[in-house]
Amino acid sequence: MSKTVTDNTLQAIISHAKEYGFVFPSSEIYDGLSAVYDYGPYGAQLKKNIRDDWWKSMTQMNENIVGIDAAIFMHPTTWKASGHVDSFSDPLIDNKDSKKRYRVDHLIEAHADKLMEEAAKDNDGGATLRDRAKQLIADMEVLLANDDFAGLGTLIQTNKIQCSVSGTSNWTEIRQFNLMFSTELGSVAEDANTIYLRPETAQGIFVNFLNVQKTARMKIPFGIAQTGKAFRNEIVARQFIFRMREFEQMEMQFFVKPGTQKEWYEHWKNERMNWHLSLGIAANKYRFHDHIKLAHYADAALDIEYEFPFGFKEVEGIHSRTDYDLTRHQEFSKKKLQYFDTEINQHYVPYVIETSIGLDRMFLLILSNSYEEETIQKEDGTTDSRVVLHLPTKLAPLKLAVLPLTKKDGLPELAKALMDECKPSFHCFYEEKDAIGKRYRRQDAIGTPFCVTIDHQTKEDNTVTIRYRDSMQQERIPMSEVKALILKHIA
C-alpha cells in the first residue's frame, strides 16, 4: 500500500467530512452561515469522544482536579474585570473601493503566501521572493507585538498589498474591533442590560474559585476543569473549523502557591504534550512555540502547535497567568478571593497555570492526522484505492461494524445477537446491504477500526471473520471473543 498526498488535502478533508456525516455547513439549505458549522452523526460522536478523553485525563486521572459547568451568560462586570471589554480586539483595515474588511495579520499573511507561491514557480528569483515573504512576516510580528498600527499601515502600503476583490491598495487607517458578541438581558428592550456571550470559558472558573475550593475541600495545588461553548466575532474566519465564531473549549486552571508556578508550568507543558502523543500521533507533527512577547499578566506562555495541511498552527496554549485573574475579580467584586494555607498559616491569592485547548481544532487535528488516500497493490497485479480514516480506536465514532454475508439463512439473526452483546459496551453498526467489499470501504471511510463478517461457517462452528481497518488483515476468531478483543484495543 502507498499513501497518496493530494495537492489540496484540506479541501479533500472538508469534502470527506461532509459526505460521510462528520461536519456540515450550518443552515446549508439557506446558503449557509459563514464560519459556523454543524456536526453530523459521526462528527458529534467523534467530538464527544475527544471531549470525554480529555475530561477523563484531567478529572479522573488527577485526584486534585475537579470539573464545573459554568453558565454562558455572566454578569457584565466579569468581562470588565477580565479586560475583555477594553482590550479584546483585533486590528482591522477596510478597502475603500470594495468596502471589504480584513484582519490586518490575515491580509499580510495572505500576501506572504502569494509571494511563496510565486517563488515556487520562479527558478531564478525564487530565493529573493522567499526572503521577502519571511521578512514581511517577521516585520508584521514585531509591529503587532508593539501595537504599532501606523507601522503596519506603512508595511501594507510599502509592499503594495492589494484587496482580493477590488485589486486596489486604497486602504483606510487600521483600527481595533472588539470580538465579543453582545446581547440584552431583560424582558423590555429599553430596560435591558447589555451582556455578552462569553469569549472564553476560563472566567467561569475564576469567579467560582472559592465555591469550588470550599465545597470540594480542595487544597493548593488543585485545578478546575471545564468544557463548553465560547463565541468570538471573528471578522475573517477561515481554514474550515480551525477558526469559527461559535466553538468549544476545554480548559483547566491550576491554582498554585506563588513561587512554585515555574515548576508547575513545566509540569503541565509536559503533561499536555503526553496527552496528545497518547492518541498515537507522531511526535514530529508537534512542536512547542514559546511566546516572545508575553501578556502583561503572564510570566511564561507557549503554544502546542500541530502541522495541519496548511502548516504548523496552535491547537493548545499553556500559560502562567500569575495572580492576575483572581486579583482583578477581587478588585471589581470587592470580595476576597484568597486561599488560607494552613502549612504556612498565611492567606494569599493563588497563581494560575492555564491549559486551554480548542475542541474543534482538536477535531480537525484528528481528522487531518487520520485522513489517507491509499493505492493498494493487489495479488493479481492490479491496483485498487480507498480513503481511510485511521482514527484512534478509543476516539472512533463506531468501534465495530457487524456485517452478515447475506440477508438470509439465519445470518442476520446471528449478527444481531452479536450486536446486542456488544452495543452496551461500545458503539456498533449493523449493515446487510451491498457486497461485502463495498461495506468494508464505507466503514474505512468513517474510521471504524473493526468489521466482523457473519457467514455460513459461523452457523457451523460459531466463529467469525474479523477485519482490521488499518492493515486490512482478516482472521478467524470465536464470536464469543469479539467483545473482549475490541475492549482491549479501546483500552
Protein backbone atom coordinates (compact mmCIF):
# COMPACT_ATOMS: atom_id res chain seq x y z
CA MET A 1 0.00 0.00 0.00
CA SER A 2 1.16 3.54 -0.64
CA LYS A 3 -0.14 6.84 0.60
CA THR A 4 -1.25 9.41 -1.96
CA VAL A 5 -0.66 13.03 -0.94
CA THR A 6 -3.11 15.32 -2.69
CA ASP A 7 -2.34 18.90 -3.70
CA ASN A 8 -5.28 20.16 -1.70
CA THR A 9 -5.54 17.95 1.34
CA LEU A 10 -7.66 20.37 3.36
CA GLN A 11 -10.31 20.56 0.62
CA ALA A 12 -10.33 16.77 0.41
CA ILE A 13 -10.87 16.55 4.17
CA ILE A 14 -13.68 19.13 4.04
CA SER A 15 -15.45 17.19 1.27
CA HIS A 16 -14.95 13.90 3.07
CA ALA A 17 -16.26 15.33 6.35
CA LYS A 18 -19.49 16.42 4.68
CA GLU A 19 -20.01 13.32 2.55
CA TYR A 20 -19.62 10.92 5.48
CA GLY A 21 -21.57 12.84 8.13
CA PHE A 22 -18.83 14.47 10.20
CA VAL A 23 -19.28 18.20 9.57
CA PHE A 24 -21.93 20.14 7.62
CA PRO A 25 -22.08 23.85 6.75
CA SER A 26 -24.60 25.41 9.14
CA SER A 27 -28.01 26.34 7.68
CA GLU A 28 -26.89 24.98 4.32
CA ILE A 29 -30.39 24.99 2.81
CA TYR A 30 -30.27 28.79 3.25
CA ASP A 31 -26.81 29.01 1.64
CA GLY A 32 -25.01 28.61 4.96
CA LEU A 33 -23.65 30.96 7.60
CA SER A 34 -20.01 31.96 7.33
CA ALA A 35 -17.63 30.32 9.84
CA VAL A 36 -20.40 28.34 11.56
CA TYR A 37 -20.66 24.56 11.22
CA ASP A 38 -22.87 21.70 12.38
CA TYR A 39 -21.53 18.30 13.44
CA GLY A 40 -23.23 15.31 11.81
CA PRO A 41 -23.86 11.84 13.28
CA TYR A 42 -20.24 10.66 13.19
CA GLY A 43 -18.79 14.10 13.88
CA ALA A 44 -20.90 14.60 17.00
CA GLN A 45 -19.76 11.24 18.37
CA LEU A 46 -16.09 11.83 17.49
CA LYS A 47 -16.26 15.25 19.14
CA LYS A 48 -17.83 13.73 22.26
CA ASN A 49 -15.16 11.03 22.39
CA ILE A 50 -12.36 13.63 22.23
CA ARG A 51 -14.06 15.68 24.93
CA ASP A 52 -14.59 12.63 27.14
CA ASP A 53 -10.97 11.51 26.80
CA TRP A 54 -9.73 14.99 27.75
CA TRP A 55 -12.16 15.14 30.68
CA LYS A 56 -11.04 11.73 31.91
CA SER A 57 -7.36 12.66 31.62
CA MET A 58 -7.99 15.77 33.72
CA THR A 59 -10.63 14.97 36.33
CA GLN A 60 -10.45 11.19 36.66
CA MET A 61 -6.71 10.64 36.38
CA ASN A 62 -5.81 13.59 38.65
CA GLU A 63 -7.08 13.47 42.23
CA ASN A 64 -6.58 17.22 42.65
CA ILE A 65 -8.61 18.39 39.63
CA VAL A 66 -12.41 18.74 39.62
CA GLY A 67 -14.82 19.90 36.94
CA ILE A 68 -17.56 22.51 36.71
CA ASP A 69 -20.05 23.66 34.09
CA ALA A 70 -20.45 27.44 34.34
CA ALA A 71 -23.18 29.37 32.52
CA ILE A 72 -22.53 31.03 29.17
CA PHE A 73 -24.15 34.26 30.38
CA MET A 74 -22.19 36.03 33.12
CA HIS A 75 -22.51 39.34 34.93
CA PRO A 76 -21.17 42.01 32.54
CA THR A 77 -18.67 43.26 35.12
CA THR A 78 -16.92 39.88 34.74
CA TRP A 79 -15.68 40.97 31.32
CA LYS A 80 -14.68 44.41 32.56
CA ALA A 81 -12.56 42.77 35.26
CA SER A 82 -11.01 40.29 32.84
CA GLY A 83 -10.02 43.05 30.41
CA HIS A 84 -12.17 41.80 27.54
CA VAL A 85 -14.37 44.92 27.36
CA ASP A 86 -11.39 47.22 26.95
CA SER A 87 -8.82 45.16 25.08
CA PHE A 88 -10.31 42.04 23.47
CA SER A 89 -9.96 43.26 19.91
CA ASP A 90 -8.30 42.71 16.55
CA PRO A 91 -6.66 45.32 14.26
CA LEU A 92 -8.79 45.70 11.13
CA ILE A 93 -8.47 47.57 7.85
CA ASP A 94 -11.03 48.33 5.11
CA ASN A 95 -10.51 48.67 1.39
CA LYS A 96 -12.22 51.94 0.33
CA ASP A 97 -13.13 50.62 -3.13
CA SER A 98 -14.56 47.18 -2.34
CA LYS A 99 -15.69 48.03 1.23
CA LYS A 100 -14.25 44.64 2.24
CA ARG A 101 -12.88 44.40 5.78
CA TYR A 102 -9.72 42.44 6.60
CA ARG A 103 -7.92 41.40 9.74
CA VAL A 104 -4.51 43.00 9.30
CA ASP A 105 -2.46 39.91 10.13
CA HIS A 106 -4.53 37.76 7.75
CA LEU A 107 -4.16 40.32 4.94
CA ILE A 108 -0.37 40.42 5.31
CA GLU A 109 -0.09 36.63 5.73
CA ALA A 110 -2.10 36.10 2.53
CA HIS A 111 0.30 38.38 0.63
CA ALA A 112 3.28 36.46 2.05
CA ASP A 113 1.65 33.19 0.94
CA LYS A 114 1.25 34.65 -2.55
CA LEU A 115 4.95 35.54 -2.64
CA MET A 116 5.84 32.00 -1.61
CA GLU A 117 3.63 30.60 -4.40
CA GLU A 118 5.36 32.85 -6.92
CA ALA A 119 8.73 31.75 -5.55
CA ALA A 120 7.87 28.11 -6.20
CA LYS A 121 7.27 28.93 -9.89
CA ASP A 122 10.31 31.20 -10.35
CA ASN A 123 13.57 29.30 -10.74
CA ASP A 124 15.68 32.46 -10.96
CA GLY A 125 14.14 34.84 -8.43
CA GLY A 126 12.58 32.31 -6.08
CA ALA A 127 15.07 32.81 -3.26
CA THR A 128 14.55 36.58 -3.29
CA LEU A 129 10.77 36.20 -3.15
CA ARG A 130 11.00 33.73 -0.28
CA ASP A 131 13.24 36.12 1.65
CA ARG A 132 10.76 38.95 1.08
CA ALA A 133 7.90 36.79 2.36
CA LYS A 134 9.80 35.78 5.50
CA GLN A 135 10.87 39.37 6.19
CA LEU A 136 7.30 40.57 5.73
CA ILE A 137 6.01 38.15 8.36
CA ALA A 138 8.87 38.99 10.74
CA ASP A 139 8.21 42.74 10.41
CA MET A 140 4.47 42.19 10.93
CA GLU A 141 5.01 40.20 14.14
CA VAL A 142 7.21 42.94 15.62
CA LEU A 143 4.71 45.68 14.75
CA LEU A 144 1.76 43.67 16.10
CA ALA A 145 3.63 42.93 19.32
CA ASN A 146 4.13 46.69 19.82
CA ASP A 147 0.59 47.66 18.73
CA ASP A 148 2.21 49.87 16.06
CA PHE A 149 -0.79 50.39 13.76
CA ALA A 150 0.85 53.25 11.85
CA GLY A 151 3.82 50.98 11.12
CA LEU A 152 1.50 48.18 9.98
CA GLY A 153 -0.26 50.62 7.62
CA THR A 154 3.09 51.67 6.17
CA LEU A 155 4.08 48.00 5.77
CA ILE A 156 0.90 47.32 3.78
CA GLN A 157 1.40 50.37 1.55
CA THR A 158 5.14 49.75 1.01
CA ASN A 159 4.52 46.17 -0.11
CA LYS A 160 1.62 47.28 -2.35
CA ILE A 161 -0.71 44.72 -0.76
CA GLN A 162 -3.97 44.67 -2.67
CA CYS A 163 -7.58 43.82 -1.88
CA SER A 164 -8.56 40.45 -3.35
CA VAL A 165 -11.89 41.90 -4.57
CA SER A 166 -11.03 45.36 -5.95
CA GLY A 167 -7.38 44.74 -6.75
CA THR A 168 -6.50 48.15 -5.31
CA SER A 169 -4.36 49.34 -2.41
CA ASN A 170 -6.76 52.08 -1.35
CA TRP A 171 -6.88 51.38 2.41
CA THR A 172 -8.36 53.06 5.46
CA GLU A 173 -6.45 53.55 8.68
CA ILE A 174 -6.13 50.49 10.93
CA ARG A 175 -8.44 50.38 13.95
CA GLN A 176 -9.38 47.97 16.72
CA PHE A 177 -12.61 45.91 16.68
CA ASN A 178 -13.95 44.17 19.80
CA LEU A 179 -14.58 40.47 19.23
CA MET A 180 -17.29 39.89 21.84
CA PHE A 181 -20.90 39.28 20.86
CA SER A 182 -23.30 41.40 22.91
CA THR A 183 -26.98 40.86 23.61
CA GLU A 184 -29.63 42.16 26.00
CA LEU A 185 -30.86 40.65 29.23
CA GLY A 186 -34.35 41.71 30.22
CA SER A 187 -37.98 41.44 29.18
CA VAL A 188 -38.23 45.02 27.87
CA ALA A 189 -35.58 46.19 25.45
CA GLU A 190 -35.48 49.73 26.85
CA ASP A 191 -34.73 48.42 30.35
CA ALA A 192 -32.38 45.65 29.27
CA ASN A 193 -28.79 45.40 30.36
CA THR A 194 -26.08 44.65 27.82
CA ILE A 195 -24.42 41.33 28.47
CA TYR A 196 -22.01 39.25 26.44
CA LEU A 197 -21.74 35.75 25.07
CA ARG A 198 -18.59 34.50 26.75
CA PRO A 199 -15.46 34.65 24.54
CA GLU A 200 -13.76 32.03 26.74
CA THR A 201 -14.69 29.55 29.48
CA ALA A 202 -11.90 30.48 31.90
CA GLN A 203 -13.71 33.32 33.68
CA GLY A 204 -16.45 30.96 34.85
CA ILE A 205 -13.72 29.04 36.65
CA PHE A 206 -12.17 32.11 38.28
CA VAL A 207 -15.41 33.54 39.66
CA ASN A 208 -16.22 30.11 41.15
CA PHE A 209 -12.79 29.63 42.70
CA LEU A 210 -13.94 29.88 46.33
CA ASN A 211 -17.18 27.94 45.74
CA VAL A 212 -15.24 25.01 44.31
CA GLN A 213 -12.36 25.17 46.79
CA LYS A 214 -14.69 25.04 49.79
CA THR A 215 -17.32 22.58 48.56
CA ALA A 216 -14.85 20.12 47.03
CA ARG A 217 -12.47 20.59 50.00
CA MET A 218 -9.52 21.21 47.70
CA LYS A 219 -6.05 22.12 48.89
CA ILE A 220 -3.46 24.05 46.88
CA PRO A 221 -2.25 22.92 44.38
CA PHE A 222 -5.53 21.99 42.66
CA GLY A 223 -7.25 22.50 39.34
CA ILE A 224 -10.70 23.26 37.98
CA ALA A 225 -11.61 21.97 34.51
CA GLN A 226 -14.42 22.97 32.19
CA THR A 227 -15.57 22.35 28.63
CA GLY A 228 -18.11 24.45 26.80
CA LYS A 229 -19.09 26.84 24.05
CA ALA A 230 -17.41 30.20 23.52
CA PHE A 231 -18.16 32.91 20.97
CA ARG A 232 -15.94 35.34 19.11
CA ASN A 233 -16.99 37.66 16.31
CA GLU A 234 -14.11 36.75 14.03
CA ILE A 235 -14.12 39.12 11.08
CA VAL A 236 -12.11 36.83 8.86
CA ALA A 237 -12.70 33.22 9.81
CA ARG A 238 -11.05 30.60 7.63
CA GLN A 239 -9.49 27.15 7.31
CA PHE A 240 -12.71 25.20 7.89
CA ILE A 241 -13.38 24.59 11.61
CA PHE A 242 -9.94 25.86 12.67
CA ARG A 243 -11.29 29.36 13.31
CA MET A 244 -15.02 29.73 13.96
CA ARG A 245 -17.40 32.22 15.55
CA GLU A 246 -19.03 29.57 17.74
CA PHE A 247 -16.60 27.00 19.08
CA GLU A 248 -15.88 24.80 22.07
CA GLN A 249 -13.01 24.99 24.53
CA MET A 250 -11.52 22.53 27.00
CA GLU A 251 -9.75 24.49 29.73
CA MET A 252 -8.14 23.75 33.07
CA GLN A 253 -6.98 26.38 35.53
CA PHE A 254 -4.46 25.04 38.05
CA PHE A 255 -4.07 27.08 41.25
CA VAL A 256 -0.64 27.05 42.88
CA LYS A 257 1.31 28.69 45.66
CA PRO A 258 3.16 31.84 44.48
CA GLY A 259 6.77 31.00 43.77
CA THR A 260 6.01 27.47 42.53
CA GLN A 261 4.47 28.50 39.22
CA LYS A 262 7.55 27.80 37.08
CA GLU A 263 7.78 24.13 38.09
CA TRP A 264 4.04 23.63 37.59
CA TYR A 265 4.27 25.37 34.21
CA GLU A 266 6.90 22.83 33.12
CA HIS A 267 4.81 20.02 34.57
CA TRP A 268 1.70 20.92 32.58
CA LYS A 269 3.70 21.64 29.44
CA ASN A 270 4.92 18.04 29.50
CA GLU A 271 1.64 16.52 30.68
CA ARG A 272 -0.34 18.13 27.89
CA MET A 273 2.11 17.03 25.21
CA ASN A 274 1.98 13.50 26.62
CA TRP A 275 -1.81 13.53 26.24
CA HIS A 276 -1.50 14.46 22.57
CA LEU A 277 1.06 11.72 21.96
CA SER A 278 -1.11 9.17 23.80
CA LEU A 279 -3.52 9.41 20.87
CA GLY A 280 -0.91 7.76 18.65
CA ILE A 281 0.08 10.92 16.79
CA ALA A 282 3.74 11.15 15.70
CA ALA A 283 5.87 13.45 17.83
CA ASN A 284 7.33 15.16 14.75
CA LYS A 285 3.85 16.51 13.92
CA TYR A 286 4.01 18.65 17.07
CA ARG A 287 6.22 21.42 18.32
CA PHE A 288 6.34 23.94 21.18
CA HIS A 289 6.24 27.62 20.30
CA ASP A 290 7.35 29.89 23.15
CA HIS A 291 5.79 33.35 23.22
CA ILE A 292 8.37 36.08 22.68
CA LYS A 293 6.20 38.93 23.90
CA LEU A 294 4.16 37.99 26.97
CA ALA A 295 0.83 39.40 28.01
CA HIS A 296 1.27 41.92 30.83
CA TYR A 297 -0.12 39.46 33.39
CA ALA A 298 1.91 36.39 32.32
CA ASP A 299 5.41 35.27 33.30
CA ALA A 300 5.56 32.37 30.79
CA ALA A 301 3.48 31.19 27.83
CA LEU A 302 3.73 28.76 24.93
CA ASP A 303 1.61 27.12 22.27
CA ILE A 304 1.48 23.46 21.33
CA GLU A 305 1.41 23.58 17.53
CA TYR A 306 0.43 20.79 15.13
CA GLU A 307 1.36 20.53 11.46
CA PHE A 308 -2.01 20.91 9.76
CA PRO A 309 -2.29 20.70 5.94
CA PHE A 310 -1.90 24.50 5.99
CA GLY A 311 1.19 24.50 8.23
CA PHE A 312 2.04 24.49 11.92
CA LYS A 313 -0.75 26.16 13.89
CA GLU A 314 -1.71 26.47 17.54
CA VAL A 315 -4.00 23.82 18.98
CA GLU A 316 -3.37 24.36 22.70
CA GLY A 317 -1.93 27.07 24.93
CA ILE A 318 -0.11 26.72 28.26
CA HIS A 319 0.07 29.97 30.23
CA SER A 320 1.47 31.01 33.59
CA ARG A 321 -1.02 33.77 34.43
CA THR A 322 0.37 34.78 37.89
CA ASP A 323 -2.35 36.09 40.25
CA TYR A 324 -3.82 38.50 37.69
CA ASP A 325 -7.26 36.91 37.23
CA LEU A 326 -8.23 36.38 40.85
CA THR A 327 -6.79 39.77 41.84
CA ARG A 328 -8.84 41.55 39.18
CA HIS A 329 -12.07 39.80 40.17
CA GLN A 330 -11.29 40.55 43.81
CA GLU A 331 -10.85 44.22 42.92
CA PHE A 332 -14.05 44.55 40.88
CA SER A 333 -16.30 42.37 43.06
CA LYS A 334 -14.97 43.69 46.41
CA LYS A 335 -14.95 40.06 47.60
CA LYS A 336 -11.79 38.39 48.89
CA LEU A 337 -10.62 35.59 46.59
CA GLN A 338 -7.83 34.29 48.76
CA TYR A 339 -6.69 30.90 49.97
CA PHE A 340 -5.66 30.18 53.54
CA ASP A 341 -2.61 27.94 53.53
CA THR A 342 -2.55 26.02 56.82
CA GLU A 343 1.03 24.87 56.25
CA ILE A 344 2.39 28.42 56.42
CA ASN A 345 -0.55 29.93 58.33
CA GLN A 346 -1.00 32.62 55.68
CA HIS A 347 -3.60 33.99 53.26
CA TYR A 348 -2.61 34.61 49.64
CA VAL A 349 -4.07 34.97 46.16
CA PRO A 350 -3.02 31.83 44.24
CA TYR A 351 -1.12 31.92 40.98
CA VAL A 352 -2.64 30.13 37.99
CA ILE A 353 -1.30 27.78 35.31
CA GLU A 354 -3.75 27.54 32.43
CA THR A 355 -4.09 24.80 29.83
CA SER A 356 -6.53 25.77 27.06
CA ILE A 357 -7.31 23.63 24.02
CA GLY A 358 -9.83 24.17 21.25
CA LEU A 359 -12.06 21.11 20.89
CA ASP A 360 -12.94 21.96 17.28
CA ARG A 361 -9.26 22.43 16.42
CA MET A 362 -8.50 19.10 18.09
CA PHE A 363 -11.27 17.55 15.99
CA LEU A 364 -9.67 18.95 12.81
CA LEU A 365 -6.26 17.74 14.03
CA ILE A 366 -7.59 14.19 14.45
CA LEU A 367 -9.23 14.26 11.01
CA SER A 368 -6.10 15.68 9.36
CA ASN A 369 -3.85 13.15 11.01
CA SER A 370 -6.17 10.23 10.19
CA TYR A 371 -7.13 11.00 6.60
CA GLU A 372 -5.37 8.92 3.97
CA GLU A 373 -5.87 8.11 0.31
CA GLU A 374 -4.31 4.73 -0.36
CA THR A 375 -3.33 2.95 -3.55
CA ILE A 376 -3.42 -0.80 -2.93
CA GLN A 377 -1.38 -3.31 -4.94
CA LYS A 378 -3.46 -6.47 -5.36
CA GLU A 379 -2.12 -10.01 -5.71
CA ASP A 380 -3.17 -10.22 -9.38
CA GLY A 381 -1.03 -7.18 -10.23
CA THR A 382 -3.91 -4.70 -10.47
CA THR A 383 -4.36 -1.73 -8.16
CA ASP A 384 -7.24 -0.53 -6.07
CA SER A 385 -7.76 2.57 -3.95
CA ARG A 386 -9.53 3.53 -0.77
CA VAL A 387 -9.97 6.52 1.50
CA VAL A 388 -9.47 5.56 5.13
CA LEU A 389 -9.61 7.43 8.42
CA HIS A 390 -7.01 5.95 10.77
CA LEU A 391 -8.85 7.25 13.83
CA PRO A 392 -7.50 6.17 17.23
CA THR A 393 -9.68 3.26 18.35
CA LYS A 394 -10.80 4.94 21.57
CA LEU A 395 -11.92 8.04 19.62
CA ALA A 396 -13.56 6.38 16.59
CA PRO A 397 -17.33 7.09 16.43
CA LEU A 398 -18.02 3.42 15.68
CA LYS A 399 -15.84 0.67 17.11
CA LEU A 400 -17.41 -2.30 15.35
CA ALA A 401 -19.41 -2.96 12.19
CA VAL A 402 -21.33 -6.25 12.17
CA LEU A 403 -21.91 -7.48 8.61
CA PRO A 404 -23.91 -10.62 7.77
CA LEU A 405 -22.69 -12.01 4.46
CA THR A 406 -26.27 -12.45 3.19
CA LYS A 407 -29.73 -11.34 4.28
CA LYS A 408 -30.98 -14.91 4.70
CA ASP A 409 -30.16 -18.36 6.13
CA GLY A 410 -30.26 -17.08 9.70
CA LEU A 411 -27.12 -14.91 9.32
CA PRO A 412 -28.87 -11.61 10.24
CA GLU A 413 -30.14 -13.20 13.44
CA LEU A 414 -26.62 -14.25 14.45
CA ALA A 415 -25.30 -10.79 13.57
CA LYS A 416 -27.95 -9.04 15.66
CA ALA A 417 -27.20 -11.34 18.59
CA LEU A 418 -23.56 -10.15 18.44
CA MET A 419 -24.79 -6.55 18.19
CA ASP A 420 -26.92 -7.00 21.31
CA GLU A 421 -23.91 -8.37 23.19
CA CYS A 422 -21.55 -5.55 22.19
CA LYS A 423 -23.61 -2.36 21.96
CA PRO A 424 -23.91 -1.79 25.74
CA SER A 425 -20.09 -1.52 25.84
CA PHE A 426 -19.33 0.48 22.68
CA HIS A 427 -20.94 1.90 19.54
CA CYS A 428 -21.71 -0.68 16.85
CA PHE A 429 -23.17 -0.54 13.35
CA TYR A 430 -25.20 -3.16 11.51
CA GLU A 431 -25.39 -3.36 7.70
CA GLU A 432 -26.51 -6.07 5.32
CA LYS A 433 -26.81 -4.12 2.04
CA ASP A 434 -24.31 -4.36 -0.87
CA ALA A 435 -21.29 -6.57 -1.48
CA ILE A 436 -19.02 -7.10 1.50
CA GLY A 437 -16.16 -5.16 -0.17
CA LYS A 438 -18.31 -2.05 -0.54
CA ARG A 439 -19.38 -2.30 3.07
CA TYR A 440 -15.74 -2.54 4.16
CA ARG A 441 -14.89 0.60 2.17
CA ARG A 442 -17.72 2.60 3.77
CA GLN A 443 -16.51 1.63 7.23
CA ASP A 444 -12.91 2.54 6.28
CA ALA A 445 -14.12 5.97 5.22
CA ILE A 446 -15.74 6.69 8.60
CA GLY A 447 -12.84 5.20 10.55
CA THR A 448 -14.43 2.07 12.03
CA PRO A 449 -11.45 0.06 13.29
CA PHE A 450 -13.08 -3.42 13.22
CA CYS A 451 -15.53 -5.20 10.93
CA VAL A 452 -16.91 -8.63 11.74
CA THR A 453 -18.44 -10.76 8.98
CA ILE A 454 -21.02 -13.40 9.86
CA ASP A 455 -21.05 -16.17 7.24
CA HIS A 456 -22.29 -19.73 6.84
CA GLN A 457 -19.29 -21.14 8.70
CA THR A 458 -20.45 -19.14 11.72
CA LYS A 459 -23.52 -21.40 11.87
CA GLU A 460 -21.26 -24.44 11.96
CA ASP A 461 -18.52 -23.52 14.46
CA ASN A 462 -19.59 -20.14 15.90
CA THR A 463 -16.52 -18.34 14.51
CA VAL A 464 -16.45 -15.06 12.61
CA THR A 465 -14.05 -13.19 10.34
CA ILE A 466 -12.71 -10.02 11.94
CA ARG A 467 -11.09 -7.45 9.65
CA TYR A 468 -8.67 -4.78 10.85
CA ARG A 469 -9.13 -1.35 9.26
CA ASP A 470 -5.51 -0.20 9.11
CA SER A 471 -3.87 -3.36 7.80
CA MET A 472 -6.97 -4.87 6.10
CA GLN A 473 -5.81 -8.20 7.54
CA GLN A 474 -8.50 -10.74 8.40
CA GLU A 475 -8.55 -13.57 10.90
CA ARG A 476 -10.98 -16.15 12.15
CA ILE A 477 -11.88 -15.95 15.83
CA PRO A 478 -14.68 -17.31 18.05
CA MET A 479 -17.66 -14.98 18.09
CA SER A 480 -17.56 -15.09 21.91
CA GLU A 481 -14.15 -13.33 21.86
CA VAL A 482 -15.13 -10.33 19.72
CA LYS A 483 -16.28 -8.08 22.54
CA ALA A 484 -13.22 -8.69 24.72
CA LEU A 485 -10.82 -8.15 21.80
CA ILE A 486 -12.32 -4.76 20.95
CA LEU A 487 -12.45 -3.62 24.58
CA LYS A 488 -8.76 -4.47 24.85
CA HIS A 489 -7.96 -2.27 21.84
CA ILE A 490 -10.08 0.58 23.20
CA ALA A 491 -8.21 0.43 26.50
